[in-house]
N, C-alpha and C. Protein backbone atom coordinates (compact mmCIF):
# COMPACT_ATOMS: atom_id res chain seq x y z
N MET A 1 49.33 47.36 -62.07
CA MET A 1 50.25 47.61 -63.16
C MET A 1 49.48 48.29 -64.29
N LYS A 2 50.02 49.39 -64.78
CA LYS A 2 49.42 50.13 -65.88
C LYS A 2 50.28 49.93 -67.13
N ILE A 3 49.64 49.42 -68.19
CA ILE A 3 50.33 49.17 -69.45
C ILE A 3 49.69 50.06 -70.52
N VAL A 4 50.50 50.88 -71.17
CA VAL A 4 50.04 51.71 -72.28
C VAL A 4 50.29 50.92 -73.56
N VAL A 5 49.24 50.79 -74.39
CA VAL A 5 49.34 50.03 -75.63
C VAL A 5 48.98 50.94 -76.80
N MET A 6 49.85 50.97 -77.80
CA MET A 6 49.58 51.81 -78.98
C MET A 6 49.97 51.07 -80.25
N SER A 7 49.43 51.56 -81.36
CA SER A 7 49.72 50.96 -82.65
C SER A 7 49.46 51.98 -83.75
N ASP A 8 50.06 51.74 -84.89
CA ASP A 8 49.72 52.45 -86.13
C ASP A 8 49.78 53.97 -85.99
N SER A 9 50.93 54.49 -85.59
CA SER A 9 51.07 55.94 -85.49
C SER A 9 51.38 56.56 -86.85
N HIS A 10 51.97 55.83 -87.76
CA HIS A 10 52.16 56.25 -89.16
C HIS A 10 52.62 57.71 -89.30
N GLY A 11 53.72 58.06 -88.62
CA GLY A 11 54.29 59.39 -88.78
C GLY A 11 53.76 60.44 -87.83
N ARG A 12 52.85 60.09 -86.96
CA ARG A 12 52.27 61.05 -86.01
C ARG A 12 53.03 60.99 -84.69
N ASP A 13 54.34 61.27 -84.73
CA ASP A 13 55.14 61.20 -83.52
C ASP A 13 54.66 62.17 -82.45
N GLU A 14 54.02 63.28 -82.84
CA GLU A 14 53.50 64.22 -81.85
C GLU A 14 52.36 63.60 -81.04
N CYS A 15 51.57 62.72 -81.65
CA CYS A 15 50.51 62.01 -80.92
C CYS A 15 51.11 60.99 -79.96
N VAL A 16 52.14 60.28 -80.41
CA VAL A 16 52.82 59.32 -79.54
C VAL A 16 53.43 60.06 -78.35
N TYR A 17 54.10 61.18 -78.62
CA TYR A 17 54.68 61.98 -77.56
C TYR A 17 53.60 62.42 -76.57
N SER A 18 52.50 62.93 -77.07
CA SER A 18 51.42 63.43 -76.23
C SER A 18 50.85 62.34 -75.32
N LEU A 19 50.58 61.17 -75.89
CA LEU A 19 49.99 60.12 -75.06
C LEU A 19 51.00 59.58 -74.06
N LEU A 20 52.28 59.54 -74.41
CA LEU A 20 53.29 59.11 -73.45
C LEU A 20 53.48 60.15 -72.35
N TYR A 21 53.44 61.41 -72.72
CA TYR A 21 53.54 62.49 -71.73
C TYR A 21 52.41 62.40 -70.72
N GLU A 22 51.21 62.11 -71.20
CA GLU A 22 50.04 62.00 -70.32
C GLU A 22 50.06 60.73 -69.47
N ASN A 23 50.87 59.77 -69.83
CA ASN A 23 50.89 58.48 -69.12
C ASN A 23 52.28 58.15 -68.57
N GLN A 24 52.95 59.13 -68.03
CA GLN A 24 54.28 58.92 -67.48
C GLN A 24 54.27 58.00 -66.26
N ASP A 25 53.08 57.72 -65.72
CA ASP A 25 52.96 56.80 -64.60
C ASP A 25 52.84 55.34 -65.04
N ALA A 26 53.00 55.09 -66.33
CA ALA A 26 52.89 53.73 -66.85
C ALA A 26 53.99 52.84 -66.27
N ASP A 27 53.66 51.57 -66.11
CA ASP A 27 54.64 50.58 -65.66
C ASP A 27 55.27 49.84 -66.84
N MET A 28 54.61 49.94 -68.01
CA MET A 28 55.12 49.30 -69.22
C MET A 28 54.46 49.98 -70.42
N ILE A 29 55.16 49.97 -71.54
CA ILE A 29 54.64 50.52 -72.79
C ILE A 29 54.80 49.45 -73.87
N ILE A 30 53.74 49.28 -74.67
CA ILE A 30 53.78 48.32 -75.77
C ILE A 30 53.38 49.04 -77.05
N HIS A 31 54.25 48.94 -78.07
CA HIS A 31 53.93 49.50 -79.39
C HIS A 31 53.77 48.34 -80.35
N LEU A 32 52.61 48.29 -81.02
CA LEU A 32 52.25 47.16 -81.88
C LEU A 32 52.59 47.36 -83.35
N GLY A 33 53.49 48.29 -83.65
CA GLY A 33 53.99 48.40 -85.01
C GLY A 33 53.36 49.49 -85.85
N ASP A 34 53.97 49.69 -87.01
CA ASP A 34 53.65 50.76 -87.95
C ASP A 34 53.84 52.13 -87.30
N GLY A 35 55.07 52.35 -86.88
CA GLY A 35 55.44 53.63 -86.29
C GLY A 35 56.64 53.53 -85.37
N MET A 36 57.56 52.63 -85.66
CA MET A 36 58.73 52.47 -84.80
C MET A 36 59.53 53.76 -84.67
N ASN A 37 59.67 54.50 -85.76
CA ASN A 37 60.41 55.76 -85.70
C ASN A 37 59.68 56.78 -84.83
N ASP A 38 58.37 56.82 -84.92
CA ASP A 38 57.57 57.73 -84.09
C ASP A 38 57.78 57.41 -82.61
N PHE A 39 57.76 56.13 -82.29
CA PHE A 39 57.95 55.69 -80.91
C PHE A 39 59.34 56.09 -80.41
N SER A 40 60.36 55.84 -81.22
CA SER A 40 61.73 56.18 -80.82
C SER A 40 61.89 57.68 -80.61
N CYS A 41 61.33 58.50 -81.51
CA CYS A 41 61.41 59.96 -81.37
C CYS A 41 60.74 60.43 -80.08
N ALA A 42 59.57 59.89 -79.79
CA ALA A 42 58.84 60.28 -78.59
C ALA A 42 59.59 59.87 -77.33
N MET A 43 60.13 58.67 -77.33
CA MET A 43 60.89 58.19 -76.16
C MET A 43 62.14 59.05 -75.95
N ASP A 44 62.81 59.43 -77.04
CA ASP A 44 63.99 60.30 -76.93
C ASP A 44 63.62 61.65 -76.36
N GLY A 45 62.42 62.14 -76.66
CA GLY A 45 61.97 63.44 -76.19
C GLY A 45 61.49 63.44 -74.76
N LEU A 46 61.30 62.26 -74.18
CA LEU A 46 60.84 62.14 -72.79
C LEU A 46 61.80 61.24 -72.01
N PRO A 47 62.98 61.77 -71.64
CA PRO A 47 63.97 60.93 -70.97
C PRO A 47 63.47 60.30 -69.67
N ILE A 48 62.45 60.89 -69.05
CA ILE A 48 61.90 60.32 -67.82
C ILE A 48 61.35 58.91 -68.04
N LEU A 49 60.99 58.60 -69.30
CA LEU A 49 60.43 57.28 -69.61
C LEU A 49 61.50 56.21 -69.83
N SER A 50 62.76 56.59 -69.81
CA SER A 50 63.83 55.65 -70.13
C SER A 50 63.90 54.46 -69.17
N SER A 51 63.34 54.61 -67.97
CA SER A 51 63.37 53.50 -67.02
C SER A 51 62.14 52.59 -67.12
N ILE A 52 61.20 52.94 -67.98
CA ILE A 52 59.99 52.14 -68.13
C ILE A 52 60.23 51.06 -69.19
N PRO A 53 60.00 49.79 -68.83
CA PRO A 53 60.20 48.73 -69.83
C PRO A 53 59.19 48.85 -70.97
N TYR A 54 59.63 48.47 -72.16
CA TYR A 54 58.73 48.51 -73.30
C TYR A 54 58.95 47.29 -74.19
N ILE A 55 57.91 47.00 -74.96
CA ILE A 55 57.94 45.92 -75.94
C ILE A 55 57.50 46.53 -77.26
N ARG A 56 58.22 46.20 -78.33
CA ARG A 56 57.85 46.66 -79.67
C ARG A 56 57.80 45.47 -80.61
N VAL A 57 56.86 45.52 -81.53
CA VAL A 57 56.83 44.54 -82.61
C VAL A 57 56.76 45.28 -83.93
N ARG A 58 57.17 44.62 -84.97
CA ARG A 58 57.23 45.22 -86.30
C ARG A 58 55.88 45.13 -87.01
N GLY A 59 55.49 46.23 -87.62
CA GLY A 59 54.29 46.24 -88.45
C GLY A 59 54.66 46.12 -89.92
N ASN A 60 53.68 45.99 -90.76
CA ASN A 60 53.93 45.83 -92.19
C ASN A 60 54.51 47.08 -92.83
N CYS A 61 54.43 48.24 -92.17
CA CYS A 61 55.02 49.48 -92.71
C CYS A 61 56.34 49.84 -92.04
N ASP A 62 56.84 49.00 -91.16
CA ASP A 62 58.13 49.25 -90.50
C ASP A 62 59.24 48.60 -91.34
N PHE A 63 59.46 49.19 -92.50
CA PHE A 63 60.40 48.64 -93.47
C PHE A 63 61.81 48.57 -92.89
N PHE A 64 62.50 47.50 -93.19
CA PHE A 64 63.90 47.29 -92.82
C PHE A 64 64.13 47.18 -91.31
N SER A 65 63.08 47.00 -90.54
CA SER A 65 63.23 46.85 -89.09
C SER A 65 63.64 45.41 -88.77
N SER A 66 64.47 45.27 -87.77
CA SER A 66 64.91 43.94 -87.37
C SER A 66 64.20 43.44 -86.11
N ILE A 67 63.25 44.24 -85.58
CA ILE A 67 62.54 43.78 -84.40
C ILE A 67 61.54 42.69 -84.79
N PRO A 68 61.14 41.85 -83.83
CA PRO A 68 60.28 40.72 -84.18
C PRO A 68 58.86 41.14 -84.58
N VAL A 69 58.21 40.27 -85.32
CA VAL A 69 56.82 40.48 -85.74
C VAL A 69 55.87 40.10 -84.61
N THR A 70 56.24 39.09 -83.84
CA THR A 70 55.41 38.61 -82.73
C THR A 70 56.29 38.35 -81.52
N VAL A 71 55.76 38.71 -80.35
CA VAL A 71 56.45 38.46 -79.08
C VAL A 71 55.48 37.75 -78.15
N MET A 72 55.94 36.69 -77.52
CA MET A 72 55.18 36.01 -76.46
C MET A 72 55.82 36.43 -75.15
N GLU A 73 55.04 37.01 -74.26
CA GLU A 73 55.60 37.57 -73.03
C GLU A 73 54.65 37.30 -71.87
N ASP A 74 55.21 36.88 -70.74
CA ASP A 74 54.42 36.76 -69.51
C ASP A 74 54.50 38.08 -68.77
N ILE A 75 53.34 38.68 -68.50
CA ILE A 75 53.26 39.95 -67.79
C ILE A 75 52.30 39.74 -66.63
N GLY A 76 52.83 39.86 -65.42
CA GLY A 76 52.01 39.52 -64.26
C GLY A 76 51.57 38.07 -64.40
N PRO A 77 50.31 37.78 -64.07
CA PRO A 77 49.84 36.40 -64.17
C PRO A 77 49.32 36.03 -65.57
N TYR A 78 49.54 36.89 -66.55
CA TYR A 78 48.98 36.69 -67.89
C TYR A 78 50.04 36.34 -68.92
N LYS A 79 49.63 35.54 -69.90
CA LYS A 79 50.50 35.15 -71.01
C LYS A 79 50.04 35.93 -72.24
N PHE A 80 50.88 36.87 -72.67
CA PHE A 80 50.55 37.79 -73.75
C PHE A 80 51.06 37.29 -75.09
N TYR A 81 50.23 37.48 -76.11
CA TYR A 81 50.57 37.26 -77.51
C TYR A 81 50.53 38.66 -78.12
N ILE A 82 51.70 39.20 -78.51
CA ILE A 82 51.82 40.59 -78.94
C ILE A 82 52.29 40.62 -80.39
N THR A 83 51.48 41.23 -81.26
CA THR A 83 51.81 41.26 -82.68
C THR A 83 51.11 42.43 -83.36
N HIS A 84 51.55 42.77 -84.55
CA HIS A 84 50.86 43.80 -85.30
C HIS A 84 49.55 43.25 -85.88
N GLY A 85 49.62 42.05 -86.40
CA GLY A 85 48.41 41.40 -86.88
C GLY A 85 48.32 41.18 -88.38
N TYR A 86 49.26 41.74 -89.15
CA TYR A 86 49.15 41.56 -90.60
C TYR A 86 49.40 40.12 -91.01
N GLU A 87 50.33 39.45 -90.34
CA GLU A 87 50.59 38.05 -90.69
C GLU A 87 49.44 37.14 -90.26
N GLN A 88 48.66 37.58 -89.28
CA GLN A 88 47.52 36.81 -88.79
C GLN A 88 46.22 37.22 -89.49
N ARG A 89 46.34 38.09 -90.47
CA ARG A 89 45.20 38.51 -91.31
C ARG A 89 44.01 39.04 -90.51
N VAL A 90 44.32 39.91 -89.52
CA VAL A 90 43.25 40.41 -88.65
C VAL A 90 42.25 41.31 -89.35
N LYS A 91 42.61 41.84 -90.51
CA LYS A 91 41.62 42.63 -91.26
C LYS A 91 40.47 41.77 -91.76
N SER A 92 40.68 40.46 -91.77
CA SER A 92 39.62 39.53 -92.18
C SER A 92 38.90 38.93 -90.98
N GLY A 93 39.27 39.35 -89.78
CA GLY A 93 38.63 38.83 -88.57
C GLY A 93 39.66 38.32 -87.57
N VAL A 94 39.19 37.93 -86.40
CA VAL A 94 40.09 37.52 -85.32
C VAL A 94 40.14 36.01 -85.11
N ASP A 95 39.47 35.24 -85.94
CA ASP A 95 39.44 33.78 -85.74
C ASP A 95 40.83 33.15 -85.77
N TYR A 96 41.64 33.55 -86.73
CA TYR A 96 42.98 32.95 -86.84
C TYR A 96 43.87 33.32 -85.65
N ILE A 97 43.88 34.60 -85.27
CA ILE A 97 44.74 35.03 -84.16
C ILE A 97 44.24 34.42 -82.84
N TYR A 98 42.94 34.27 -82.72
CA TYR A 98 42.36 33.61 -81.54
C TYR A 98 42.84 32.16 -81.47
N SER A 99 42.78 31.44 -82.59
CA SER A 99 43.21 30.04 -82.59
C SER A 99 44.70 29.91 -82.31
N GLU A 100 45.50 30.86 -82.81
CA GLU A 100 46.94 30.87 -82.51
C GLU A 100 47.18 31.08 -81.02
N ALA A 101 46.43 32.00 -80.42
CA ALA A 101 46.58 32.25 -78.98
C ALA A 101 46.19 31.01 -78.18
N LYS A 102 45.12 30.39 -78.58
CA LYS A 102 44.66 29.19 -77.88
C LYS A 102 45.70 28.07 -78.00
N LYS A 103 46.23 27.90 -79.21
CA LYS A 103 47.22 26.85 -79.47
C LYS A 103 48.51 27.07 -78.66
N THR A 104 48.88 28.33 -78.45
CA THR A 104 50.13 28.64 -77.74
C THR A 104 49.92 28.92 -76.25
N GLY A 105 48.70 28.75 -75.76
CA GLY A 105 48.43 28.91 -74.34
C GLY A 105 48.44 30.35 -73.86
N ARG A 106 48.10 31.27 -74.74
CA ARG A 106 48.08 32.70 -74.40
C ARG A 106 46.68 33.10 -73.94
N ASN A 107 46.59 34.03 -72.98
CA ASN A 107 45.27 34.48 -72.57
C ASN A 107 45.02 35.97 -72.79
N VAL A 108 46.01 36.69 -73.33
CA VAL A 108 45.82 38.08 -73.76
C VAL A 108 46.46 38.22 -75.13
N VAL A 109 45.69 38.74 -76.09
CA VAL A 109 46.18 38.96 -77.44
C VAL A 109 46.12 40.45 -77.72
N LEU A 110 47.26 41.04 -78.08
CA LEU A 110 47.32 42.46 -78.47
C LEU A 110 47.68 42.52 -79.94
N PHE A 111 46.89 43.28 -80.71
CA PHE A 111 47.16 43.43 -82.13
C PHE A 111 46.70 44.80 -82.60
N GLY A 112 47.24 45.22 -83.73
CA GLY A 112 46.86 46.49 -84.35
C GLY A 112 46.39 46.22 -85.77
N HIS A 113 46.95 46.98 -86.71
CA HIS A 113 46.78 46.81 -88.15
C HIS A 113 45.44 47.29 -88.71
N THR A 114 44.34 47.06 -88.01
CA THR A 114 43.02 47.41 -88.56
C THR A 114 42.68 48.88 -88.35
N HIS A 115 43.36 49.54 -87.41
CA HIS A 115 43.09 50.93 -87.02
C HIS A 115 41.76 51.06 -86.28
N ILE A 116 41.13 49.99 -85.92
CA ILE A 116 39.82 50.02 -85.27
C ILE A 116 39.94 49.51 -83.83
N PRO A 117 39.59 50.34 -82.84
CA PRO A 117 39.60 49.86 -81.45
C PRO A 117 38.69 48.64 -81.31
N TYR A 118 39.18 47.64 -80.57
CA TYR A 118 38.44 46.39 -80.46
C TYR A 118 38.77 45.74 -79.13
N TYR A 119 37.74 45.16 -78.51
CA TYR A 119 37.96 44.30 -77.34
C TYR A 119 36.88 43.24 -77.31
N LYS A 120 37.32 42.01 -77.06
CA LYS A 120 36.39 40.91 -76.86
C LYS A 120 37.08 39.87 -75.99
N GLU A 121 36.34 39.29 -75.09
CA GLU A 121 36.85 38.16 -74.30
C GLU A 121 36.10 36.93 -74.79
N LYS A 122 36.87 35.91 -75.17
CA LYS A 122 36.27 34.68 -75.69
C LYS A 122 36.96 33.49 -75.04
N ASP A 123 36.20 32.73 -74.29
CA ASP A 123 36.72 31.52 -73.64
C ASP A 123 37.98 31.80 -72.82
N GLY A 124 38.00 32.92 -72.11
CA GLY A 124 39.13 33.25 -71.26
C GLY A 124 40.29 33.90 -71.98
N ILE A 125 40.14 34.16 -73.27
CA ILE A 125 41.19 34.85 -74.03
C ILE A 125 40.71 36.26 -74.35
N HIS A 126 41.50 37.24 -73.93
CA HIS A 126 41.18 38.65 -74.17
C HIS A 126 41.83 39.09 -75.47
N LEU A 127 41.04 39.59 -76.41
CA LEU A 127 41.53 40.10 -77.69
C LEU A 127 41.40 41.62 -77.65
N PHE A 128 42.52 42.34 -77.82
CA PHE A 128 42.50 43.80 -77.65
C PHE A 128 43.30 44.48 -78.75
N ASN A 129 42.65 45.42 -79.41
CA ASN A 129 43.29 46.29 -80.40
C ASN A 129 43.09 47.72 -79.91
N PRO A 130 44.17 48.46 -79.68
CA PRO A 130 44.03 49.83 -79.16
C PRO A 130 43.54 50.83 -80.20
N GLY A 131 43.42 50.41 -81.45
CA GLY A 131 43.10 51.35 -82.51
C GLY A 131 44.37 51.99 -83.03
N SER A 132 44.24 53.11 -83.70
CA SER A 132 45.37 53.77 -84.34
C SER A 132 45.71 55.08 -83.66
N VAL A 133 46.97 55.23 -83.25
CA VAL A 133 47.42 56.51 -82.71
C VAL A 133 47.26 57.60 -83.77
N HIS A 134 47.45 57.24 -85.03
CA HIS A 134 47.27 58.20 -86.12
C HIS A 134 45.88 58.82 -86.09
N ASP A 135 44.90 58.04 -85.66
CA ASP A 135 43.52 58.52 -85.55
C ASP A 135 43.18 58.98 -84.13
N GLY A 136 44.17 58.94 -83.23
CA GLY A 136 43.98 59.46 -81.88
C GLY A 136 43.64 58.46 -80.81
N SER A 137 43.61 57.16 -81.12
CA SER A 137 43.24 56.19 -80.09
C SER A 137 44.42 55.34 -79.65
N TYR A 138 44.35 54.92 -78.40
CA TYR A 138 45.33 54.02 -77.82
C TYR A 138 44.65 53.26 -76.69
N GLY A 139 45.37 52.37 -76.04
CA GLY A 139 44.76 51.56 -74.99
C GLY A 139 45.52 51.60 -73.68
N ILE A 140 44.78 51.31 -72.63
CA ILE A 140 45.36 51.15 -71.29
C ILE A 140 44.89 49.79 -70.76
N ILE A 141 45.85 49.01 -70.30
CA ILE A 141 45.54 47.75 -69.62
C ILE A 141 45.96 47.93 -68.17
N ASN A 142 45.07 47.59 -67.27
CA ASN A 142 45.39 47.62 -65.84
C ASN A 142 45.30 46.21 -65.28
N ILE A 143 46.32 45.83 -64.53
CA ILE A 143 46.31 44.56 -63.80
C ILE A 143 46.45 44.94 -62.33
N ASP A 144 45.42 44.64 -61.53
CA ASP A 144 45.46 45.04 -60.12
C ASP A 144 46.22 44.01 -59.28
N ASN A 145 46.36 44.31 -58.01
CA ASN A 145 47.14 43.45 -57.11
C ASN A 145 46.54 42.06 -56.93
N ASP A 146 45.24 41.92 -57.22
CA ASP A 146 44.59 40.61 -57.14
C ASP A 146 44.67 39.84 -58.45
N GLY A 147 45.30 40.45 -59.47
CA GLY A 147 45.45 39.80 -60.76
C GLY A 147 44.29 40.03 -61.71
N ASN A 148 43.36 40.91 -61.35
CA ASN A 148 42.26 41.24 -62.24
C ASN A 148 42.78 42.15 -63.35
N ILE A 149 42.28 41.94 -64.56
CA ILE A 149 42.74 42.71 -65.71
C ILE A 149 41.58 43.49 -66.32
N SER A 150 41.87 44.71 -66.77
CA SER A 150 40.86 45.52 -67.45
C SER A 150 41.49 46.19 -68.66
N PHE A 151 40.66 46.48 -69.64
CA PHE A 151 41.09 47.05 -70.91
C PHE A 151 40.26 48.29 -71.19
N GLU A 152 40.93 49.39 -71.55
CA GLU A 152 40.23 50.64 -71.84
C GLU A 152 40.78 51.23 -73.15
N HIS A 153 39.89 51.84 -73.89
CA HIS A 153 40.32 52.62 -75.06
C HIS A 153 40.34 54.09 -74.64
N GLU A 154 41.42 54.78 -74.96
CA GLU A 154 41.60 56.18 -74.62
C GLU A 154 41.85 56.96 -75.93
N TYR A 155 41.80 58.27 -75.82
CA TYR A 155 41.97 59.11 -77.00
C TYR A 155 42.90 60.28 -76.70
N VAL A 156 43.78 60.58 -77.64
CA VAL A 156 44.72 61.70 -77.51
C VAL A 156 43.95 62.98 -77.76
């Protein structure tokens, strides 16, 4: 399973479009906020992606959005904690979001907000930030048929 993860496009819908165009083989798309309009414009421009499931969460710059701030989702054999990260204060570090994931039984945490690509595995919990689409970075998560998971940072 190939999952495209992006965050913080901040008006760069052409970058979102480009990365989605390059990853039309994705099995799922996750947008971590601060660019809901960019995501919608790009999806509208690529009708072939309409059959691909996606998850979106609201960022601190997605004003007046009614989508959730955090989503807990089981994807394959993994329990995902999906959020933008502003409420979890990730700019001050990952300790709080890690403890929240541990408390809720999650083993993959996806967050944005910092604009800095990040990956760390701690006590069986994978913490992954794809960076900022505005700055050209996004992420790919692969889950193979044996349930192994890998995280990559890519660039538009």
